[in-house]
Protein backbone atom coordinates (compact mmCIF):
# COMPACT_ATOMS: atom_id res chain seq x y z
CA MET A 1 -0.04 0.04 0.17
CA SER A 2 2.75 2.28 0.32
CA GLU A 3 4.06 2.22 -2.79
CA ASP A 4 0.43 3.29 -3.88
CA TYR A 5 1.16 6.46 -1.76
CA GLU A 6 4.28 7.02 -3.02
CA ASN A 7 2.61 7.15 -6.96
CA MET A 8 -0.13 9.85 -5.73
CA THR A 9 0.55 13.65 -5.49
CA VAL A 10 0.37 15.75 -2.36
CA ALA A 11 -2.65 16.88 -3.15
CA GLN A 12 -4.32 13.39 -3.46
CA LEU A 13 -2.55 12.50 -0.28
CA LYS A 14 -4.20 15.56 1.61
CA GLU A 15 -7.70 14.37 0.27
CA LEU A 16 -7.29 10.91 1.67
CA LEU A 17 -6.30 12.30 5.05
CA LYS A 18 -9.04 14.49 5.21
CA GLU A 19 -11.60 11.77 4.27
CA ALA A 20 -10.01 9.87 7.44
CA ASP A 21 -10.35 12.90 9.90
CA LEU A 22 -6.24 13.07 9.89
CA PRO A 23 -3.83 16.15 9.92
CA VAL A 24 -2.70 16.97 6.21
CA SER A 25 0.04 19.12 7.06
CA GLY A 26 3.97 18.24 6.35
CA LYS A 27 5.89 16.72 3.58
CA LYS A 28 4.85 13.84 1.49
CA ALA A 29 6.83 11.54 3.16
CA ASP A 30 5.01 12.47 6.65
CA LEU A 31 1.66 12.05 4.75
CA ILE A 32 2.43 8.65 3.58
CA ALA A 33 3.67 7.60 6.77
CA ARG A 34 0.55 8.96 8.15
CA LEU A 35 -1.74 7.06 5.80
CA ALA A 36 0.19 3.89 6.14
CA GLU A 37 -0.15 4.19 10.17
CA SER A 38 -3.74 4.35 9.84
CA SER A 39 -4.32 1.65 7.34
CA ALA A 40 -2.37 -0.66 9.32
CA ALA A 41 -4.56 0.30 12.59
CA GLU A 42 -7.66 -0.62 10.20
CA GLU A 43 -6.30 -3.66 9.49
CA VAL A 44 -5.53 -4.95 13.16
CA GLU A 45 -9.21 -3.64 13.83
CA THR A 46 -10.48 -5.54 11.58
CA SER A 47 -8.92 -8.91 12.16
CA ASP A 48 -9.66 -8.28 15.70
CA SER A 49 -13.06 -8.12 14.97
CA GLY A 50 -13.15 -11.15 13.10
CA GLU A 51 -15.22 -9.53 10.24
CA ASP A 52 -14.77 -10.93 6.73
CA ASP A 53 -12.24 -8.86 4.32
CA TRP A 54 -14.60 -6.71 2.03
CA ASP A 55 -14.52 -7.78 -1.74
CA ASP A 56 -13.00 -4.51 -3.47
CA ASP A 57 -14.58 -4.94 -6.98
CA GLY A 58 -12.83 -1.83 -8.26
CA ASP A 59 -16.13 0.03 -8.98
CA TRP A 60 -15.87 1.69 -5.66
CA ASP A 61 -14.08 4.97 -7.57
CA ASP A 62 -16.12 5.31 -10.62
CA GLU A 63 -17.39 8.44 -9.50
CA VAL A 64 -14.20 10.07 -8.72
CA VAL A 65 -14.22 13.34 -11.54
CA GLU A 66 -11.10 13.32 -13.74
CA GLY A 67 -8.47 16.19 -13.04
CA HIS A 68 -9.91 17.38 -9.98
CA VAL A 69 -7.68 18.86 -7.67
CA ALA A 70 -8.36 19.59 -3.58
CA LYS A 71 -7.93 23.01 -2.72
CA GLN A 72 -5.02 23.34 -0.15
CA LYS A 73 -5.90 25.31 3.03
CA PRO A 74 -3.30 27.46 4.77
CA VAL A 75 -2.17 26.98 8.20
CA LEU A 76 -2.96 29.84 10.16
CA ASP A 77 -3.09 31.20 13.72
CA ASP A 78 -6.15 32.33 15.47
CA ASP A 79 -5.37 36.51 15.18
CA THR A 80 -4.91 35.79 11.53
CA LYS A 81 -8.00 34.19 11.24
CA ALA A 82 -9.72 36.65 12.87
CA ALA A 83 -8.26 39.43 11.12
CA LEU A 84 -9.51 37.79 7.94
CA ALA A 85 -12.94 37.44 9.07
CA LEU A 86 -12.92 41.10 10.34
CA ARG A 87 -11.83 42.28 6.70
CA ALA A 88 -14.58 40.43 5.59
CA GLU A 89 -17.20 42.07 7.69
CA GLN A 90 -15.44 45.30 6.91
CA LYS A 91 -15.61 44.61 3.20
CA LYS A 92 -19.18 44.43 3.14
CA LYS A 93 -19.59 48.06 4.57
CA THR A 94 -17.39 49.41 1.96
CA PRO A 95 -19.21 51.35 -0.76
CA SER A 96 -17.98 50.53 -4.58
CA PHE A 97 -15.72 53.31 -5.79
CA ARG A 98 -16.43 54.63 -9.49
CA ARG A 99 -14.88 57.04 -11.65
CA THR A 100 -16.38 60.39 -12.24
CA GLU A 101 -19.21 60.23 -15.00
CA TRP A 102 -19.09 56.50 -15.28
CA PHE A 103 -22.83 56.36 -15.65
CA ARG A 104 -22.32 58.45 -18.85
CA TYR A 105 -19.37 56.62 -20.71
CA LYS A 106 -19.49 52.86 -20.97
CA ARG A 107 -15.30 53.14 -20.71
CA LEU A 108 -15.22 54.83 -17.49
CA SER A 109 -17.59 52.40 -16.17
CA ARG A 110 -15.22 49.36 -17.18
CA SER A 111 -12.16 51.19 -15.71
CA GLY A 112 -10.88 50.93 -12.07
CA TRP A 113 -11.19 54.08 -9.74
CA ARG A 114 -9.37 57.73 -10.56
CA ALA A 115 -9.37 60.65 -8.22
CA PRO A 116 -11.49 63.53 -9.35
CA HIS A 117 -9.31 66.63 -9.69
CA GLY A 118 -11.97 69.17 -11.56
CA MET A 119 -12.58 72.56 -9.81
CA ASP A 120 -15.90 72.08 -10.24
CA SER A 121 -16.15 68.54 -10.08
CA LYS A 122 -19.36 67.47 -7.67
CA GLN A 123 -17.71 63.91 -7.02
CA ARG A 124 -14.76 65.85 -5.47
CA ARG A 125 -16.59 68.43 -3.74
CA ASN A 126 -18.35 65.44 -1.84
CA TYR A 127 -21.76 66.15 -2.98
CA LYS A 128 -24.19 63.54 -2.01
CA TYR A 129 -25.86 62.45 -5.25
CA ARG A 130 -22.39 61.32 -6.54
CA SER A 131 -20.56 58.17 -5.55
CA ALA A 132 -18.07 57.79 -2.55
CA LEU A 133 -14.52 59.29 -2.67
CA VAL A 134 -11.36 56.86 -1.51
CA ARG A 135 -10.69 57.61 2.09
CA VAL A 136 -8.55 56.43 4.50
CA GLY A 137 -11.14 55.70 6.71
CA HIS A 138 -12.08 52.92 4.06
CA GLY A 139 -9.17 50.91 4.89
CA LYS A 140 -8.95 47.55 6.37
CA VAL A 141 -7.60 45.38 9.16
CA ALA A 142 -3.64 45.52 8.81
CA ALA A 143 -3.09 42.07 10.15
CA ALA A 144 -4.68 40.80 7.09
CA ARG A 145 -3.07 43.30 4.48
CA GLY A 146 -2.06 41.39 1.59
CA LEU A 147 -3.79 38.09 2.39
CA HIS A 148 -5.86 36.36 -0.54
CA PRO A 149 -9.34 35.74 0.90
CA SER A 150 -8.21 32.12 1.40
CA GLY A 151 -5.42 33.12 3.98
CA PHE A 152 -2.87 32.60 1.62
CA ARG A 153 0.13 35.26 0.64
CA GLU A 154 0.80 35.26 -3.22
CA VAL A 155 4.04 34.35 -4.75
CA MET A 156 4.08 35.12 -8.45
CA VAL A 157 5.27 32.20 -10.43
CA GLN A 158 6.31 32.28 -14.18
CA ASN A 159 8.00 29.09 -13.96
CA THR A 160 8.45 25.68 -12.29
CA THR A 161 11.58 26.72 -10.61
CA ASP A 162 9.90 29.56 -8.66
CA LEU A 163 7.77 27.14 -7.00
CA GLU A 164 11.00 25.72 -4.85
CA ILE A 165 10.76 28.51 -2.94
CA ILE A 166 7.18 28.40 -1.90
CA ASP A 167 5.90 27.29 1.64
CA PRO A 168 2.68 25.19 0.82
CA GLU A 169 1.34 25.91 4.51
CA THR A 170 1.32 29.93 4.32
CA GLU A 171 2.09 30.99 0.49
CA ALA A 172 -0.08 29.96 -3.01
CA ALA A 173 1.34 30.43 -5.90
CA ARG A 174 -0.34 33.08 -8.81
CA ILE A 175 0.92 32.23 -12.58
CA GLY A 176 1.97 35.44 -14.30
CA ARG A 177 -0.63 35.94 -17.24
CA SER A 178 2.35 36.07 -20.13
CA VAL A 179 2.75 32.20 -19.05
CA GLY A 180 1.85 29.98 -21.73
CA GLY A 181 -0.42 27.03 -22.15
CA ARG A 182 2.72 24.57 -22.12
CA LYS A 183 4.02 26.02 -19.08
CA ARG A 184 1.22 26.02 -17.09
CA GLU A 185 0.66 22.27 -17.63
CA GLN A 186 4.28 21.84 -16.33
CA ILE A 187 3.57 24.31 -13.33
CA TYR A 188 0.20 22.68 -12.46
CA SER A 189 2.11 19.25 -12.32
CA ARG A 190 4.98 20.38 -10.21
CA ALA A 191 2.48 22.25 -7.58
CA ASP A 192 0.55 19.09 -7.06
CA GLU A 193 3.63 17.24 -6.67
CA LEU A 194 4.50 19.84 -3.50
CA GLY A 195 1.29 20.62 -2.44
CA ILE A 196 0.93 24.21 -3.27
CA ARG A 197 -2.04 25.76 -4.42
CA VAL A 198 -2.50 27.87 -7.62
CA LEU A 199 -4.78 30.70 -7.04
CA ASN A 200 -5.81 31.31 -10.85
CA ARG A 201 -5.48 27.73 -12.16
CA ARG A 202 -7.42 27.22 -15.47
CA ARG A 203 -9.72 24.29 -15.13
CA ASP A 204 -10.00 23.57 -18.88
CA ILE A 205 -5.87 22.69 -18.38
């Protein structure tokens, strides 16, 4: 059975650990050892109970979706979890910041925020019927600044070598938009082996 675990990716091993309610932290060798110990304990319990072995006809995993990759969860302390929850609550109360005259020109409605500078600008003068201005008071909790909503800190990746410096417990990869499809496949495969989550993974590859 340990040989079967060796052929699996870290993501697949963690999925098995989650199903068995076991910890998913650590390197691949630790995950394999944890699964092997669990399997050995189950075999001992089965032999002690005197029950017949279950006849595995190979049909039990027919419904497994091909290409599914489990989403890794970050290892966070209580303070960071509280900061992320507070930021999520603050975000619900934050207004949407729109450019001046965004309702008049379609190209302005698609663009990001720009501060108004006109002397007679109603938005700059803070007229109530205009959209809100970006202010210091709209800032979020500092402890969660720069973190992805999942809790990971994002690391930009351009090739498989960039994955080697990522800590899979606290950091996640974001592939650059200039990376081609063939190199993306290589990055996906290497990330699965290292147990690293890719935030902008394309499901069609």
